[in-house]
Protein backbone atom coordinates (compact mmCIF):
# COMPACT_ATOMS: atom_id res chain seq x y z
CA MET A 1 -15.55 -23.73 -30.46
CA SER A 2 -14.57 -20.52 -28.64
CA ALA A 3 -14.41 -20.23 -24.88
CA ARG A 4 -17.43 -18.91 -23.00
CA ILE A 5 -16.72 -16.33 -20.28
CA GLY A 6 -19.31 -15.24 -17.72
CA VAL A 7 -18.95 -11.60 -16.67
CA ILE A 8 -20.87 -10.51 -13.58
CA HIS A 9 -21.76 -6.86 -13.02
CA ALA A 10 -23.30 -4.90 -10.15
CA THR A 11 -23.84 -1.85 -12.37
CA ARG A 12 -24.53 -1.56 -16.07
CA VAL A 13 -21.96 1.24 -16.58
CA ALA A 14 -19.27 -1.45 -16.26
CA VAL A 15 -20.55 -3.33 -19.31
CA SER A 16 -19.16 -1.09 -22.07
CA PRO A 17 -15.55 -1.02 -20.76
CA ILE A 18 -15.34 -4.81 -20.56
CA GLU A 19 -16.99 -5.22 -23.98
CA ALA A 20 -14.37 -2.89 -25.45
CA ALA A 21 -11.53 -4.78 -23.77
CA PHE A 22 -12.75 -8.13 -25.09
CA GLU A 23 -13.26 -6.66 -28.56
CA ASN A 24 -9.71 -5.25 -28.54
CA HIS A 25 -7.89 -8.25 -27.10
CA TRP A 26 -10.02 -11.40 -27.42
CA PRO A 27 -12.79 -10.88 -29.99
CA GLU A 28 -13.33 -14.55 -30.70
CA VAL A 29 -14.44 -15.37 -27.15
CA GLU A 30 -18.13 -15.73 -26.27
CA VAL A 31 -19.01 -13.30 -23.47
CA VAL A 32 -22.15 -13.77 -21.36
CA GLN A 33 -23.02 -10.71 -19.26
CA LEU A 34 -25.00 -11.03 -16.02
CA ILE A 35 -26.16 -7.85 -14.25
CA ASP A 36 -27.72 -7.40 -10.79
CA GLU A 37 -27.74 -3.63 -10.21
CA ALA A 38 -29.48 -4.09 -6.87
CA LEU A 39 -26.25 -5.56 -5.52
CA SER A 40 -24.44 -2.21 -5.62
CA ARG A 41 -27.47 -0.32 -4.29
CA ASP A 42 -27.93 -2.73 -1.41
CA LEU A 43 -24.23 -2.75 -0.50
CA ASP A 44 -24.13 1.05 -0.57
CA ARG A 45 -27.26 1.28 1.59
CA ILE A 46 -26.14 -1.30 4.17
CA GLY A 47 -22.47 -0.30 4.13
CA HIS A 48 -20.94 -3.78 4.36
CA LEU A 49 -21.21 -7.26 2.91
CA THR A 50 -23.92 -9.42 4.46
CA PRO A 51 -24.45 -13.17 4.11
CA ALA A 52 -27.47 -12.47 1.88
CA ILE A 53 -25.49 -10.21 -0.47
CA SER A 54 -22.60 -12.70 -0.58
CA GLU A 55 -25.02 -15.51 -1.43
CA ARG A 56 -26.35 -13.49 -4.37
CA VAL A 57 -22.80 -12.85 -5.60
CA GLU A 58 -22.12 -16.61 -5.43
CA SER A 59 -25.45 -17.54 -7.06
CA LEU A 60 -24.71 -15.45 -10.15
CA ALA A 61 -21.42 -17.29 -10.66
CA ALA A 62 -23.06 -20.67 -10.14
CA PHE A 63 -25.73 -19.74 -12.70
CA ALA A 64 -23.06 -18.73 -15.23
CA HIS A 65 -21.13 -21.93 -14.62
CA ARG A 66 -24.24 -24.08 -15.10
CA GLY A 67 -24.76 -22.23 -18.38
CA GLY A 68 -21.39 -23.38 -19.65
CA ALA A 69 -19.06 -20.57 -18.62
CA GLN A 70 -15.49 -21.82 -18.57
CA ALA A 71 -14.30 -18.84 -16.53
CA ILE A 72 -15.92 -16.10 -14.46
CA LEU A 73 -14.92 -12.44 -14.26
CA TYR A 74 -16.46 -10.01 -11.77
CA SER A 75 -16.50 -6.31 -12.63
CA CYS A 76 -17.27 -4.76 -9.22
CA SER A 77 -14.38 -4.50 -6.79
CA ALA A 78 -16.47 -4.02 -3.63
CA PHE A 79 -17.40 -7.71 -3.25
CA GLY A 80 -13.92 -9.16 -2.66
CA PRO A 81 -14.63 -11.62 0.19
CA ALA A 82 -17.71 -12.96 -1.58
CA ILE A 83 -15.71 -13.47 -4.78
CA GLU A 84 -13.05 -15.33 -2.81
CA ALA A 85 -15.76 -17.73 -1.64
CA VAL A 86 -16.70 -18.31 -5.30
CA GLN A 87 -13.04 -18.98 -6.15
CA ALA A 88 -13.05 -21.76 -3.55
CA MET A 89 -16.40 -23.10 -4.74
CA LEU A 90 -16.11 -23.39 -8.53
CA PRO A 91 -13.75 -25.63 -10.56
CA VAL A 92 -13.10 -22.93 -13.21
CA PRO A 93 -10.99 -19.75 -13.15
CA VAL A 94 -12.70 -16.98 -11.19
CA LEU A 95 -11.08 -13.56 -11.40
CA LYS A 96 -11.63 -10.58 -9.16
CA PRO A 97 -12.06 -7.35 -11.13
CA ASN A 98 -8.72 -5.86 -10.15
CA GLN A 99 -6.67 -8.98 -9.50
CA ALA A 100 -4.48 -8.64 -12.60
CA MET A 101 -4.22 -4.86 -12.33
CA LEU A 102 -3.08 -4.97 -8.70
CA ASP A 103 -0.33 -7.42 -9.60
CA GLU A 104 0.82 -4.92 -12.20
CA ALA A 105 0.63 -2.04 -9.71
CA LEU A 106 2.80 -3.87 -7.18
CA ALA A 107 5.39 -4.49 -9.87
CA LEU A 108 5.52 -0.78 -10.74
CA GLY A 109 6.02 0.82 -7.34
CA SER A 110 5.58 0.81 -3.58
CA CYS A 111 3.41 3.94 -3.30
CA ILE A 112 -0.08 3.40 -4.70
CA HIS A 113 -3.05 5.77 -4.81
CA VAL A 114 -6.49 4.21 -5.28
CA LEU A 115 -9.30 6.28 -6.80
CA SER A 116 -12.90 5.09 -6.56
CA THR A 117 -16.32 6.47 -7.49
CA PHE A 118 -18.28 3.82 -5.52
CA ARG A 119 -17.50 4.32 -1.84
CA PRO A 120 -17.08 0.65 -0.80
CA SER A 121 -14.57 -0.03 -3.60
CA GLY A 122 -11.65 1.94 -2.17
CA PRO A 123 -11.45 0.10 1.17
CA SER A 124 -11.96 -3.23 -0.60
CA ILE A 125 -8.99 -2.63 -2.91
CA ARG A 126 -6.87 -1.35 -0.03
CA ARG A 127 -7.46 -4.66 1.77
CA GLU A 128 -6.52 -6.62 -1.35
CA LEU A 129 -3.32 -4.62 -1.81
CA GLU A 130 -2.36 -5.03 1.84
CA ALA A 131 -2.94 -8.78 1.65
CA LEU A 132 -0.85 -9.09 -1.52
CA ALA A 133 1.94 -6.98 -0.01
CA ALA A 134 1.97 -9.15 3.12
CA GLN A 135 2.13 -12.33 1.03
CA ARG A 136 5.09 -10.99 -0.92
CA LYS A 137 6.78 -9.26 2.04
CA LEU A 138 6.59 -5.86 0.35
CA ASP A 139 6.60 -2.47 2.07
CA LEU A 140 3.66 -0.57 0.66
CA THR A 141 2.17 2.89 1.10
CA ILE A 142 -1.48 3.13 0.08
CA ASP A 143 -3.71 6.19 -0.17
CA ASP A 144 -7.27 6.11 -1.41
CA SER A 145 -9.70 8.79 -2.55
CA TYR A 146 -13.44 8.60 -3.10
CA VAL A 147 -14.70 10.86 -5.91
CA PRO A 148 -18.25 11.98 -5.04
CA GLY A 149 -20.63 12.77 -7.87
CA ALA A 150 -18.63 11.05 -10.61
CA LEU A 151 -20.66 7.84 -10.73
CA ASP A 152 -23.93 9.79 -10.57
CA ALA A 153 -22.76 11.82 -13.57
CA LEU A 154 -21.93 8.66 -15.50
CA HIS A 155 -25.31 7.11 -14.69
CA ALA A 156 -26.90 10.33 -15.99
CA GLY A 157 -25.00 9.98 -19.27
CA ASP A 158 -22.49 12.77 -18.57
CA GLY A 159 -19.23 10.97 -19.18
CA ASP A 160 -17.23 14.19 -19.55
CA THR A 161 -18.10 15.36 -16.02
CA HIS A 162 -17.36 11.86 -14.70
CA ASP A 163 -13.89 11.92 -16.26
CA ALA A 164 -13.17 15.51 -15.18
CA LEU A 165 -14.08 14.86 -11.54
CA ILE A 166 -11.82 11.82 -11.39
CA ALA A 167 -8.94 13.68 -13.05
CA GLU A 168 -9.34 16.56 -10.60
CA ALA A 169 -9.25 14.17 -7.64
CA ALA A 170 -6.12 12.52 -9.03
CA ALA A 171 -4.24 15.77 -9.58
CA GLY A 172 -2.77 15.91 -6.07
CA ALA A 173 -1.79 12.25 -5.84
CA GLN A 174 1.81 11.66 -4.78
CA ALA A 175 2.36 8.07 -5.87
CA ASP A 176 4.24 5.72 -8.17
CA VAL A 177 0.96 4.26 -9.43
CA VAL A 178 -2.61 5.54 -9.58
CA VAL A 179 -5.22 2.79 -9.69
CA LEU A 180 -8.74 3.32 -11.04
CA ALA A 181 -10.80 1.07 -8.80
CA GLN A 182 -13.77 0.21 -11.02
CA PHE A 183 -14.31 -0.99 -14.56
CA SER A 184 -16.57 2.00 -15.20
CA MET A 185 -13.64 4.36 -14.50
CA ALA A 186 -11.54 3.05 -17.39
CA ARG A 187 -12.90 5.74 -19.69
CA ALA A 188 -11.18 8.38 -17.49
CA LEU A 189 -7.69 6.89 -17.88
CA TYR A 190 -6.52 9.42 -20.48
CA GLU A 191 -7.70 12.46 -18.50
CA VAL A 192 -6.15 11.14 -15.28
CA SER A 193 -2.87 10.36 -17.05
CA ARG A 194 -2.67 14.00 -18.17
CA ARG A 195 -2.90 15.23 -14.55
CA VAL A 196 -0.37 13.00 -12.79
CA ASP A 197 3.24 11.92 -13.27
CA ALA A 198 2.48 8.42 -12.00
CA LYS A 199 1.59 5.39 -14.08
CA VAL A 200 -2.22 5.10 -14.28
CA LEU A 201 -3.85 1.67 -14.43
CA SER A 202 -7.40 0.52 -15.17
CA SER A 203 -8.66 -3.00 -14.79
CA PRO A 204 -10.68 -4.18 -17.84
CA GLU A 205 -7.77 -4.72 -20.23
CA SER A 206 -5.55 -6.29 -17.56
CA ALA A 207 -8.38 -8.66 -16.62
CA VAL A 208 -9.13 -9.73 -20.20
CA LEU A 209 -5.48 -10.30 -21.07
CA THR A 210 -4.95 -12.35 -17.90
CA LEU A 211 -8.05 -14.48 -18.53
CA LYS A 212 -6.89 -15.08 -22.10
CA ARG A 213 -3.51 -16.34 -20.85
CA MET A 214 -5.16 -18.51 -18.22
CA MET A 215 -7.61 -20.10 -20.65
CA ARG A 216 -4.87 -20.85 -23.18
CA ALA A 217 -2.70 -22.68 -20.65
CA PRO A 218 -4.58 -26.01 -20.48
CA VAL A 219 -3.89 -28.62 -17.83
CA ASN A 220 -4.93 -32.20 -18.66
CA GLY A 221 -7.04 -30.91 -21.53
CA HIS A 222 -8.92 -28.33 -19.47
CA ALA A 223 -8.42 -24.69 -18.58
CA GLN A 224 -6.60 -24.46 -15.29
CA ALA A 225 -8.68 -23.08 -12.43
CA THR A 226 -5.99 -20.70 -11.22
CA ASN A 227 -7.99 -18.84 -8.61
CA GLY A 228 -6.35 -16.36 -6.29
CA ALA A 229 -3.95 -13.48 -6.75
CA ALA A 230 -0.78 -15.50 -6.28
CA ALA A 231 -1.71 -17.91 -9.06
CA THR A 232 -2.58 -15.07 -11.40
CA SER A 233 0.71 -13.41 -10.65
CA ALA A 234 2.56 -16.58 -11.56
CA HIS A 235 0.85 -16.59 -14.95
CA ASN A 236 1.65 -12.93 -15.51
CA MET A 237 5.33 -13.40 -14.73
CA SER A 238 5.67 -16.50 -16.87
CA GLY A 239 3.95 -14.85 -19.85
CA SER A 240 2.08 -18.09 -20.56
């Protein structure tokens, strides 16, 4: 029987990138997608996480777990503190959207530029990077850019404009690594890579590959609930 993975989205444009990543790297897994698009709208309107929004983020994970999910992956990077609460709450692996990708970014350089098309995502990833750098005693320079209009174009079905706007915003980045903050931005990776000398990273493939390693490293007959960036990093470095 294949593993069942619950994937939680705050926008439906993140669904296709994660489906493609699972199809490419872990096709035998059973993926259950949960979407609450009001989460992203409410967070954008209010401007910060509230207890009510965090409770909804947690409830989706609890629902997936009750339905048999053996691991949880979130696809929206703007809900970091709420996801951390889920990591402490559930006895299965819970992965932030960018957890694996940020580990990779830190291994590639000390100057990182974060691009986002959903305004709250940039600051959220900056905080995650700063926390990881502090844990590992790394000197880090972080810049972040919000790309207005790109997400609206994608929602309207204009993927080419979405990709072009992101690539244009990336063109002036002076960094070792350029990070695409959201799952929905993965489709722009090729265009961005053409405009910068830096390594460009997107999160869906990193997340799927990390989950696959985690789920295939059983402890006492069960998948190890390795929640938190440090634990994920240990798995990445060991290659297990």
